Amino acid sequence: MHIHELNPWRTLIALSIFVVVLIIGFITKPKPLFTYEKTIAESVSALSMSEDYVYPWELEEIIANKPDSIVLFDIRNNFVFGQGHIPGSENLAASVLSREENIDRMKKLRDMGVTVVLVGEDELHANGPWMFFRQVGFNNVKLLLGGYNYYFEHKDDLYSTIDDDAYFKGIARFDYAEMAAPKDGAALNSDDMSKPVQVQRRQKSNVAAGGC
């Protein structure tokens, strides 16, 4: 005979307490920090929309006027940021972007109607964080085309980049043509390069006397 058959009221009370504990657990369960509102495909398609970008030449006015409606977040690490950054930008490294205190600040900026511009080393560096914030509902986050590298190359005359699209291609880290050129400066002969390479097989040596 089971105990609940002898004490049905105790069983009912135990079940009631269990249900109450479950209900309290669901009510007090912390809400997730992020709620995804867009799929990856939707975020990727947004990369083709010009209104999600800030162009390098637009930095001239941002730097000069320091508008309250725009915040530049440099997502490079603190050390690199200290070596040089866009005037008026704030360092918020990509490694700490998703911390709760930073997310709370991003929410406040969104509610205030402030546009957040992510500045990476180049465009690709900031693509990931930008896409993440777009997926979780931060439609006020934009991407600086070319990133800091392109800005640094043209900082003395940013307006001259208005007809340039090199920021889409990025800046080459190495001059591979120069690296591949002969060290003596001689030009490569394309005729020589097109000739097939003659492979000469090694002649088999005779087995030494007394061998196996």
Protein backbone atom coordinates (compact mmCIF):
# COMPACT_ATOMS: atom_id res chain seq x y z
CA MET A 1 0.00 0.00 0.00
CA HIS A 2 1.39 3.44 -1.01
CA ILE A 3 1.74 6.31 1.43
CA HIS A 4 -0.61 8.56 -0.60
CA GLU A 5 -3.39 6.05 -0.14
CA LEU A 6 -3.07 6.48 3.62
CA ASN A 7 -2.55 10.28 3.52
CA PRO A 8 -4.27 11.70 0.41
CA TRP A 9 -4.25 15.20 1.83
CA ARG A 10 -0.47 15.15 2.23
CA THR A 11 -0.10 14.05 -1.38
CA LEU A 12 -2.40 16.84 -2.54
CA ILE A 13 -0.50 19.42 -0.50
CA ALA A 14 2.85 18.17 -1.85
CA LEU A 15 1.58 18.36 -5.43
CA SER A 16 0.18 21.85 -4.83
CA ILE A 17 3.49 23.06 -3.43
CA PHE A 18 5.31 21.55 -6.43
CA VAL A 19 3.00 23.33 -8.87
CA VAL A 20 3.39 26.65 -7.02
CA VAL A 21 7.18 26.31 -7.11
CA LEU A 22 7.06 25.70 -10.89
CA ILE A 23 4.83 28.72 -11.44
CA ILE A 24 7.11 30.95 -9.35
CA GLY A 25 10.10 29.63 -11.28
CA PHE A 26 8.55 30.53 -14.64
CA ILE A 27 7.48 33.97 -13.40
CA THR A 28 10.85 34.85 -11.91
CA LYS A 29 12.88 33.34 -14.74
CA PRO A 30 15.18 36.05 -16.13
CA LYS A 31 14.34 37.22 -19.61
CA PRO A 32 16.93 36.51 -22.32
CA LEU A 33 19.31 39.39 -22.99
CA PHE A 34 18.73 39.12 -26.74
CA THR A 35 15.71 38.37 -28.86
CA TYR A 36 16.46 37.74 -32.51
CA GLU A 37 14.12 39.67 -34.79
CA LYS A 38 15.83 39.00 -38.12
CA THR A 39 17.28 35.92 -39.75
CA ILE A 40 20.86 35.79 -40.98
CA ALA A 41 19.59 35.93 -44.57
CA GLU A 42 17.67 39.15 -43.83
CA SER A 43 20.73 40.68 -42.19
CA VAL A 44 22.98 39.73 -45.10
CA SER A 45 20.55 41.23 -47.61
CA ALA A 46 20.65 44.49 -45.63
CA LEU A 47 24.35 44.80 -46.49
CA SER A 48 23.33 45.99 -49.95
CA MET A 49 21.28 48.87 -48.56
CA SER A 50 23.15 52.18 -48.66
CA GLU A 51 21.17 53.64 -45.76
CA ASP A 52 22.88 51.15 -43.42
CA TYR A 53 26.30 52.60 -44.23
CA VAL A 54 28.23 55.70 -43.28
CA TYR A 55 30.56 56.75 -46.09
CA PRO A 56 34.10 57.95 -45.35
CA TRP A 57 33.46 61.40 -46.81
CA GLU A 58 30.56 61.86 -44.38
CA LEU A 59 33.07 61.79 -41.51
CA GLU A 60 34.19 65.32 -42.41
CA GLU A 61 30.92 66.77 -41.11
CA ILE A 62 30.68 64.36 -38.18
CA ILE A 63 34.19 65.21 -36.95
CA ALA A 64 33.71 68.94 -37.45
CA ASN A 65 30.24 69.32 -35.91
CA LYS A 66 30.20 66.46 -33.36
CA PRO A 67 26.41 65.97 -33.63
CA ASP A 68 24.61 64.53 -30.59
CA SER A 69 22.61 62.28 -32.90
CA ILE A 70 25.66 60.18 -33.90
CA VAL A 71 28.07 58.11 -31.80
CA LEU A 72 31.18 56.48 -33.25
CA PHE A 73 32.10 53.20 -31.54
CA ASP A 74 35.60 52.01 -32.43
CA ILE A 75 35.48 48.24 -31.96
CA ARG A 76 39.24 47.66 -32.22
CA ASN A 77 41.12 46.70 -29.08
CA ASN A 78 42.21 49.32 -26.58
CA PHE A 79 45.90 49.16 -27.51
CA VAL A 80 45.32 49.77 -31.21
CA PHE A 81 42.75 52.47 -30.42
CA GLY A 82 45.36 54.28 -28.32
CA GLN A 83 47.74 54.37 -31.27
CA GLY A 84 45.26 56.32 -33.37
CA HIS A 85 41.52 56.77 -33.86
CA ILE A 86 38.91 58.98 -35.47
CA PRO A 87 38.49 62.20 -33.46
CA GLY A 88 35.44 62.01 -31.22
CA SER A 89 35.15 58.22 -31.43
CA GLU A 90 34.84 56.04 -28.35
CA ASN A 91 36.57 52.72 -27.83
CA LEU A 92 34.18 49.82 -27.29
CA ALA A 93 36.08 46.69 -28.28
CA ALA A 94 34.22 43.93 -30.12
CA SER A 95 35.09 41.52 -27.29
CA VAL A 96 32.94 43.48 -24.80
CA LEU A 97 30.15 44.68 -27.08
CA SER A 98 27.69 42.04 -25.89
CA ARG A 99 28.16 42.68 -22.17
CA GLU A 100 24.94 43.50 -20.40
CA GLU A 101 25.97 47.03 -19.43
CA ASN A 102 26.92 47.82 -23.02
CA ILE A 103 23.70 46.35 -24.37
CA ASP A 104 21.75 48.50 -21.91
CA ARG A 105 23.59 51.55 -23.18
CA MET A 106 22.89 50.58 -26.78
CA LYS A 107 19.20 50.31 -25.92
CA LYS A 108 19.22 53.79 -24.38
CA LEU A 109 20.90 55.24 -27.47
CA ARG A 110 18.32 53.53 -29.68
CA ASP A 111 15.44 54.87 -27.61
CA MET A 112 16.97 58.36 -27.83
CA GLY A 113 17.15 58.13 -31.62
CA VAL A 114 20.95 58.19 -31.68
CA THR A 115 22.72 56.52 -34.60
CA VAL A 116 25.57 54.22 -33.61
CA VAL A 117 28.37 53.85 -36.17
CA LEU A 118 30.65 50.83 -35.76
CA VAL A 119 34.26 51.46 -36.78
CA GLY A 120 36.48 48.43 -37.35
CA GLU A 121 39.94 48.02 -38.84
CA ASP A 122 38.13 47.66 -42.15
CA GLU A 123 34.60 46.95 -43.25
CA LEU A 124 34.91 43.19 -42.79
CA HIS A 125 36.04 43.61 -39.18
CA ALA A 126 32.79 45.38 -38.28
CA ASN A 127 30.43 43.28 -40.43
CA GLY A 128 29.92 40.61 -37.75
CA PRO A 129 29.04 42.94 -34.85
CA TRP A 130 26.87 45.07 -37.16
CA MET A 131 24.96 42.03 -38.36
CA PHE A 132 24.47 40.80 -34.79
CA PHE A 133 23.00 44.10 -33.60
CA ARG A 134 20.72 44.22 -36.63
CA GLN A 135 19.46 40.72 -35.89
CA VAL A 136 18.53 41.61 -32.31
CA GLY A 137 16.61 44.74 -33.30
CA PHE A 138 19.10 47.63 -33.24
CA ASN A 139 18.06 49.37 -36.45
CA ASN A 140 20.02 52.46 -35.43
CA VAL A 141 23.39 50.72 -35.88
CA LYS A 142 25.34 51.52 -39.04
CA LEU A 143 28.68 50.52 -40.52
CA LEU A 144 31.58 52.77 -41.51
CA LEU A 145 32.70 51.74 -44.98
CA GLY A 146 36.43 51.11 -45.17
CA GLY A 147 36.83 51.28 -41.41
CA TYR A 148 39.69 53.05 -39.69
CA ASN A 149 42.31 51.92 -42.22
CA TYR A 150 40.59 53.67 -45.11
CA TYR A 151 39.92 56.74 -42.97
CA PHE A 152 43.59 56.95 -42.00
CA GLU A 153 44.69 56.73 -45.65
CA HIS A 154 42.43 59.67 -46.62
CA LYS A 155 41.99 61.65 -43.41
CA ASP A 156 43.59 64.78 -44.88
CA ASP A 157 40.97 65.02 -47.62
CA LEU A 158 37.96 62.81 -46.93
CA TYR A 159 35.77 64.70 -49.39
CA SER A 160 37.97 63.43 -52.22
CA THR A 161 36.66 59.90 -51.54
CA ILE A 162 33.11 60.76 -52.58
CA ASP A 163 33.68 59.26 -56.05
CA ASP A 164 35.93 56.45 -54.83
CA ASP A 165 34.71 52.94 -54.10
CA ALA A 166 38.00 51.43 -52.93
CA TYR A 167 36.56 50.98 -49.45
CA PHE A 168 34.46 48.11 -50.83
CA LYS A 169 37.60 46.31 -51.87
CA GLY A 170 39.63 47.05 -48.78
CA ILE A 171 43.27 48.06 -48.53
CA ALA A 172 45.88 45.47 -49.41
CA ARG A 173 48.14 44.63 -46.48
CA PHE A 174 51.01 43.57 -48.78
CA ASP A 175 52.16 44.36 -52.28
CA TYR A 176 52.27 40.81 -53.57
CA ALA A 177 53.50 41.82 -57.04
CA GLU A 178 56.53 43.48 -55.51
CA MET A 179 57.14 40.55 -53.18
CA ALA A 180 57.06 38.10 -56.10
CA ALA A 181 59.41 40.14 -58.31
CA PRO A 182 63.04 38.96 -58.66
CA LYS A 183 65.33 40.47 -56.04
CA ASP A 184 67.75 41.83 -58.68
CA GLY A 185 64.95 43.89 -60.21
CA ALA A 186 64.93 41.97 -63.47
CA ALA A 187 61.56 41.59 -65.15
CA LEU A 188 60.02 38.17 -65.40
CA ASN A 189 60.14 36.69 -68.89
CA SER A 190 56.68 35.42 -69.77
CA ASP A 191 58.12 33.28 -72.63
CA ASP A 192 60.40 31.47 -70.23
CA MET A 193 57.56 30.99 -67.78
CA SER A 194 55.38 29.37 -70.46
CA LYS A 195 58.01 26.77 -71.41
CA PRO A 196 57.42 23.31 -69.97
CA VAL A 197 59.89 22.22 -67.35
CA GLN A 198 62.03 19.25 -68.42
CA VAL A 199 62.19 16.60 -65.75
CA GLN A 200 65.21 14.31 -65.89
CA ARG A 201 64.90 11.01 -64.13
CA ARG A 202 67.75 9.82 -61.95
CA GLN A 203 69.65 6.82 -63.24
CA LYS A 204 69.47 3.75 -61.06
CA SER A 205 72.80 2.94 -59.52
CA ASN A 206 74.21 -0.57 -59.71
CA VAL A 207 74.05 -2.69 -56.61
CA ALA A 208 77.45 -2.73 -54.95
CA ALA A 209 79.37 -5.97 -55.13
CA GLY A 210 78.59 -8.26 -52.27
CA GLY A 211 75.14 -6.77 -51.79
CA CYS A 212 72.01 -8.77 -51.22
